[in-house]
Amino acid sequence: MERVPLDENAAARHRLTTLIESLGDDDLDRPVTPSWSVATVLAQLAFWDRWAQTLVHRWRSGELPPPTVPPWYDDAINHTLLPTWQALPGRQAALIAVAAAEAADREIEKAETPVLAGILAAQQSNLLDRATPRNDALDRIEHALR
């Protein structure tokens, strides 16, 4: 990644907002996989956007995260939080997803060049590229809604 994908993040956030505005409560309960509803996918997306927001904020504050995490780390977090995400009411999960995307994008936009360079040098571009996970989640949701 040579640049921070601010435009792509904003486009994915807009796509997220547009989709959520079109969904009824029954749509939010629709299964995406046997264990994951549309709302669950949105709650997971909200968590990872908030995670990115928090870590970018820590980078900006001079509090660098650990240099590496084991490859199973993200899956362990997803597995641990799945029951919590499943328990959220669908509309609440949708609202949380939009708010988290907005907050993450604001934090990324505030990051100064040295901070961005540090994040990229640490191979943590996923903290800055929020468009890719948002679009992946939205693709899965749209496929389930067909």
C-alpha atoms as a PDB file:
ATOM      1  CA  MET A   1       0.000   0.000   0.000  1.00  0.00           C
ATOM      2  CA  GLU A   2       1.607   3.240  -1.128  1.00  0.00           C
ATOM      3  CA  ARG A   3      -1.072   5.604   0.129  1.00  0.00           C
ATOM      4  CA  VAL A   4      -3.858   5.625   2.643  1.00  0.00           C
ATOM      5  CA  PRO A   5      -7.105   4.691   0.855  1.00  0.00           C
ATOM      6  CA  LEU A   6      -9.221   7.521   2.267  1.00  0.00           C
ATOM      7  CA  ASP A   7     -11.496   7.703  -0.786  1.00  0.00           C
ATOM      8  CA  GLU A   8     -11.964   3.937  -0.834  1.00  0.00           C
ATOM      9  CA  ASN A   9     -12.741   3.893   2.896  1.00  0.00           C
ATOM     10  CA  ALA A  10     -15.330   6.642   2.407  1.00  0.00           C
ATOM     11  CA  ALA A  11     -16.901   4.815  -0.548  1.00  0.00           C
ATOM     12  CA  ALA A  12     -17.146   1.581   1.430  1.00  0.00           C
ATOM     13  CA  ARG A  13     -18.623   3.479   4.394  1.00  0.00           C
ATOM     14  CA  HIS A  14     -21.213   5.020   2.069  1.00  0.00           C
ATOM     15  CA  ARG A  15     -21.995   1.583   0.631  1.00  0.00           C
ATOM     16  CA  LEU A  16     -22.420   0.264   4.193  1.00  0.00           C
ATOM     17  CA  THR A  17     -24.747   3.118   5.156  1.00  0.00           C
ATOM     18  CA  THR A  18     -26.805   2.757   1.983  1.00  0.00           C
ATOM     19  CA  LEU A  19     -27.224  -0.975   2.471  1.00  0.00           C
ATOM     20  CA  ILE A  20     -28.179  -0.636   6.136  1.00  0.00           C
ATOM     21  CA  GLU A  21     -30.771   2.032   5.324  1.00  0.00           C
ATOM     22  CA  SER A  22     -32.392  -0.402   2.886  1.00  0.00           C
ATOM     23  CA  LEU A  23     -32.596  -3.328   5.327  1.00  0.00           C
ATOM     24  CA  GLY A  24     -35.659  -4.294   7.275  1.00  0.00           C
ATOM     25  CA  ASP A  25     -35.504  -6.125  10.583  1.00  0.00           C
ATOM     26  CA  ASP A  26     -36.138  -9.454   8.840  1.00  0.00           C
ATOM     27  CA  ASP A  27     -33.183  -8.791   6.537  1.00  0.00           C
ATOM     28  CA  LEU A  28     -30.912  -8.222   9.531  1.00  0.00           C
ATOM     29  CA  ASP A  29     -31.900 -11.651  10.881  1.00  0.00           C
ATOM     30  CA  ARG A  30     -31.251 -13.394   7.558  1.00  0.00           C
ATOM     31  CA  PRO A  31     -28.491 -16.024   7.760  1.00  0.00           C
ATOM     32  CA  VAL A  32     -25.225 -15.397   5.941  1.00  0.00           C
ATOM     33  CA  THR A  33     -23.829 -18.732   7.179  1.00  0.00           C
ATOM     34  CA  PRO A  34     -25.395 -21.172   9.650  1.00  0.00           C
ATOM     35  CA  SER A  35     -23.860 -19.285  12.622  1.00  0.00           C
ATOM     36  CA  TRP A  36     -23.747 -15.746  11.233  1.00  0.00           C
ATOM     37  CA  SER A  37     -26.728 -13.506  10.469  1.00  0.00           C
ATOM     38  CA  VAL A  38     -26.505 -10.225   8.589  1.00  0.00           C
ATOM     39  CA  ALA A  39     -26.561  -8.444  11.965  1.00  0.00           C
ATOM     40  CA  THR A  40     -23.745 -10.643  13.271  1.00  0.00           C
ATOM     41  CA  VAL A  41     -21.581  -9.785  10.260  1.00  0.00           C
ATOM     42  CA  LEU A  42     -22.303  -6.090  10.864  1.00  0.00           C
ATOM     43  CA  ALA A  43     -21.406  -6.399  14.555  1.00  0.00           C
ATOM     44  CA  GLN A  44     -18.121  -8.085  13.642  1.00  0.00           C
ATOM     45  CA  LEU A  45     -17.380  -5.347  11.127  1.00  0.00           C
ATOM     46  CA  ALA A  46     -18.103  -2.739  13.804  1.00  0.00           C
ATOM     47  CA  PHE A  47     -15.675  -4.409  16.192  1.00  0.00           C
ATOM     48  CA  TRP A  48     -12.811  -4.478  13.680  1.00  0.00           C
ATOM     49  CA  ASP A  49     -13.439  -0.857  12.656  1.00  0.00           C
ATOM     50  CA  ARG A  50     -13.324   0.143  16.348  1.00  0.00           C
ATOM     51  CA  TRP A  51     -10.183  -1.959  16.748  1.00  0.00           C
ATOM     52  CA  ALA A  52      -8.549  -0.080  13.873  1.00  0.00           C
ATOM     53  CA  GLN A  53      -9.715   3.249  15.320  1.00  0.00           C
ATOM     54  CA  THR A  54      -8.270   2.391  18.728  1.00  0.00           C
ATOM     55  CA  LEU A  55      -4.925   1.198  17.404  1.00  0.00           C
ATOM     56  CA  VAL A  56      -4.496   4.168  15.059  1.00  0.00           C
ATOM     57  CA  HIS A  57      -5.289   6.443  18.015  1.00  0.00           C
ATOM     58  CA  ARG A  58      -2.664   4.648  20.104  1.00  0.00           C
ATOM     59  CA  TRP A  59      -0.116   5.054  17.302  1.00  0.00           C
ATOM     60  CA  ARG A  60      -0.978   8.766  17.151  1.00  0.00           C
ATOM     61  CA  SER A  61      -0.515   9.003  20.939  1.00  0.00           C
ATOM     62  CA  GLY A  62       2.899   7.354  20.776  1.00  0.00           C
ATOM     63  CA  GLU A  63       1.677   4.096  22.306  1.00  0.00           C
ATOM     64  CA  LEU A  64       2.812   1.533  19.780  1.00  0.00           C
ATOM     65  CA  PRO A  65       1.046  -1.829  19.716  1.00  0.00           C
ATOM     66  CA  PRO A  66       2.968  -5.095  20.076  1.00  0.00           C
ATOM     67  CA  PRO A  67       5.188  -5.754  17.055  1.00  0.00           C
ATOM     68  CA  THR A  68       3.536  -9.054  16.149  1.00  0.00           C
ATOM     69  CA  VAL A  69       0.585 -11.186  17.047  1.00  0.00           C
ATOM     70  CA  PRO A  70       0.234 -14.888  16.332  1.00  0.00           C
ATOM     71  CA  PRO A  71      -1.521 -15.853  13.073  1.00  0.00           C
ATOM     72  CA  TRP A  72      -4.472 -17.322  14.968  1.00  0.00           C
ATOM     73  CA  TYR A  73      -5.145 -14.107  16.901  1.00  0.00           C
ATOM     74  CA  ASP A  74      -7.947 -12.650  14.738  1.00  0.00           C
ATOM     75  CA  ASP A  75      -9.769 -15.982  14.550  1.00  0.00           C
ATOM     76  CA  ALA A  76      -9.574 -16.328  18.329  1.00  0.00           C
ATOM     77  CA  ILE A  77     -11.072 -12.873  18.795  1.00  0.00           C
ATOM     78  CA  ASN A  78     -13.855 -13.621  16.292  1.00  0.00           C
ATOM     79  CA  HIS A  79     -14.624 -16.941  17.999  1.00  0.00           C
ATOM     80  CA  THR A  80     -14.624 -15.348  21.447  1.00  0.00           C
ATOM     81  CA  LEU A  81     -16.896 -12.456  20.491  1.00  0.00           C
ATOM     82  CA  LEU A  82     -19.314 -14.380  18.239  1.00  0.00           C
ATOM     83  CA  PRO A  83     -21.863 -15.063  21.042  1.00  0.00           C
ATOM     84  CA  THR A  84     -21.838 -11.380  22.000  1.00  0.00           C
ATOM     85  CA  TRP A  85     -22.345 -10.299  18.390  1.00  0.00           C
ATOM     86  CA  GLN A  86     -25.152 -12.838  17.968  1.00  0.00           C
ATOM     87  CA  ALA A  87     -26.907 -11.449  21.063  1.00  0.00           C
ATOM     88  CA  LEU A  88     -27.106  -7.900  19.717  1.00  0.00           C
ATOM     89  CA  PRO A  89     -30.459  -6.819  18.294  1.00  0.00           C
ATOM     90  CA  GLY A  90     -30.161  -6.517  14.519  1.00  0.00           C
ATOM     91  CA  ARG A  91     -30.922  -2.812  14.238  1.00  0.00           C
ATOM     92  CA  GLN A  92     -28.467  -2.025  17.044  1.00  0.00           C
ATOM     93  CA  ALA A  93     -25.716  -3.993  15.272  1.00  0.00           C
ATOM     94  CA  ALA A  94     -26.416  -2.029  12.097  1.00  0.00           C
ATOM     95  CA  LEU A  95     -26.233   1.340  13.866  1.00  0.00           C
ATOM     96  CA  ILE A  96     -23.037   0.325  15.658  1.00  0.00           C
ATOM     97  CA  ALA A  97     -21.480  -0.682  12.322  1.00  0.00           C
ATOM     98  CA  VAL A  98     -22.121   2.739  10.779  1.00  0.00           C
ATOM     99  CA  ALA A  99     -20.889   4.614  13.858  1.00  0.00           C
ATOM    100  CA  ALA A 100     -17.737   2.489  14.022  1.00  0.00           C
ATOM    101  CA  ALA A 101     -16.967   3.020  10.341  1.00  0.00           C
ATOM    102  CA  GLU A 102     -17.372   6.778  10.747  1.00  0.00           C
ATOM    103  CA  ALA A 103     -15.151   6.837  13.847  1.00  0.00           C
ATOM    104  CA  ALA A 104     -12.433   4.699  12.249  1.00  0.00           C
ATOM    105  CA  ASP A 105     -12.336   6.866   9.136  1.00  0.00           C
ATOM    106  CA  ARG A 106     -12.104  10.057  11.216  1.00  0.00           C
ATOM    107  CA  GLU A 107      -9.192   8.655  13.214  1.00  0.00           C
ATOM    108  CA  ILE A 108      -7.367   7.510  10.072  1.00  0.00           C
ATOM    109  CA  GLU A 109      -7.859  10.929   8.472  1.00  0.00           C
ATOM    110  CA  LYS A 110      -6.225  12.581  11.513  1.00  0.00           C
ATOM    111  CA  ALA A 111      -3.109  10.405  11.358  1.00  0.00           C
ATOM    112  CA  GLU A 112       0.016  12.372  10.491  1.00  0.00           C
ATOM    113  CA  THR A 113       2.510  11.228   7.851  1.00  0.00           C
ATOM    114  CA  PRO A 114       5.065   9.804  10.342  1.00  0.00           C
ATOM    115  CA  VAL A 115       2.310   7.802  12.043  1.00  0.00           C
ATOM    116  CA  LEU A 116       1.069   6.465   8.722  1.00  0.00           C
ATOM    117  CA  ALA A 117       4.621   5.552   7.720  1.00  0.00           C
ATOM    118  CA  GLY A 118       5.095   3.707  11.017  1.00  0.00           C
ATOM    119  CA  ILE A 119       1.869   1.762  10.606  1.00  0.00           C
ATOM    120  CA  LEU A 120       2.827   0.786   7.071  1.00  0.00           C
ATOM    121  CA  ALA A 121       6.399  -0.107   8.074  1.00  0.00           C
ATOM    122  CA  ALA A 122       4.955  -2.356  10.794  1.00  0.00           C
ATOM    123  CA  GLN A 123       2.917  -4.107   8.080  1.00  0.00           C
ATOM    124  CA  GLN A 124      -0.327  -3.022   9.722  1.00  0.00           C
ATOM    125  CA  SER A 125      -1.945  -1.537   6.612  1.00  0.00           C
ATOM    126  CA  ASN A 126      -5.191  -3.297   7.565  1.00  0.00           C
ATOM    127  CA  LEU A 127      -5.609  -0.579  10.196  1.00  0.00           C
ATOM    128  CA  LEU A 128      -5.709   2.040   7.439  1.00  0.00           C
ATOM    129  CA  ASP A 129      -7.495   0.082   4.708  1.00  0.00           C
ATOM    130  CA  ARG A 130     -10.990  -0.291   6.073  1.00  0.00           C
ATOM    131  CA  ALA A 131     -12.535  -0.495   2.602  1.00  0.00           C
ATOM    132  CA  THR A 132     -11.405  -4.071   1.991  1.00  0.00           C
ATOM    133  CA  PRO A 133     -13.031  -5.676   5.058  1.00  0.00           C
ATOM    134  CA  ARG A 134     -16.138  -3.525   4.671  1.00  0.00           C
ATOM    135  CA  ASN A 135     -16.577  -4.480   1.038  1.00  0.00           C
ATOM    136  CA  ASP A 136     -15.900  -8.145   1.802  1.00  0.00           C
ATOM    137  CA  ALA A 137     -18.579  -8.113   4.519  1.00  0.00           C
ATOM    138  CA  LEU A 138     -21.028  -6.251   2.291  1.00  0.00           C
ATOM    139  CA  ASP A 139     -20.451  -8.694  -0.563  1.00  0.00           C
ATOM    140  CA  ARG A 140     -21.271 -11.602   1.781  1.00  0.00           C
ATOM    141  CA  ILE A 141     -24.383  -9.825   3.065  1.00  0.00           C
ATOM    142  CA  GLU A 142     -25.636  -8.922  -0.398  1.00  0.00           C
ATOM    143  CA  HIS A 143     -25.096 -12.504  -1.542  1.00  0.00           C
ATOM    144  CA  ALA A 144     -27.152 -13.784   1.412  1.00  0.00           C
ATOM    145  CA  LEU A 145     -29.962 -11.336   0.672  1.00  0.00           C
ATOM    146  CA  ARG A 146     -30.421 -12.485  -2.934  1.00  0.00           C
END
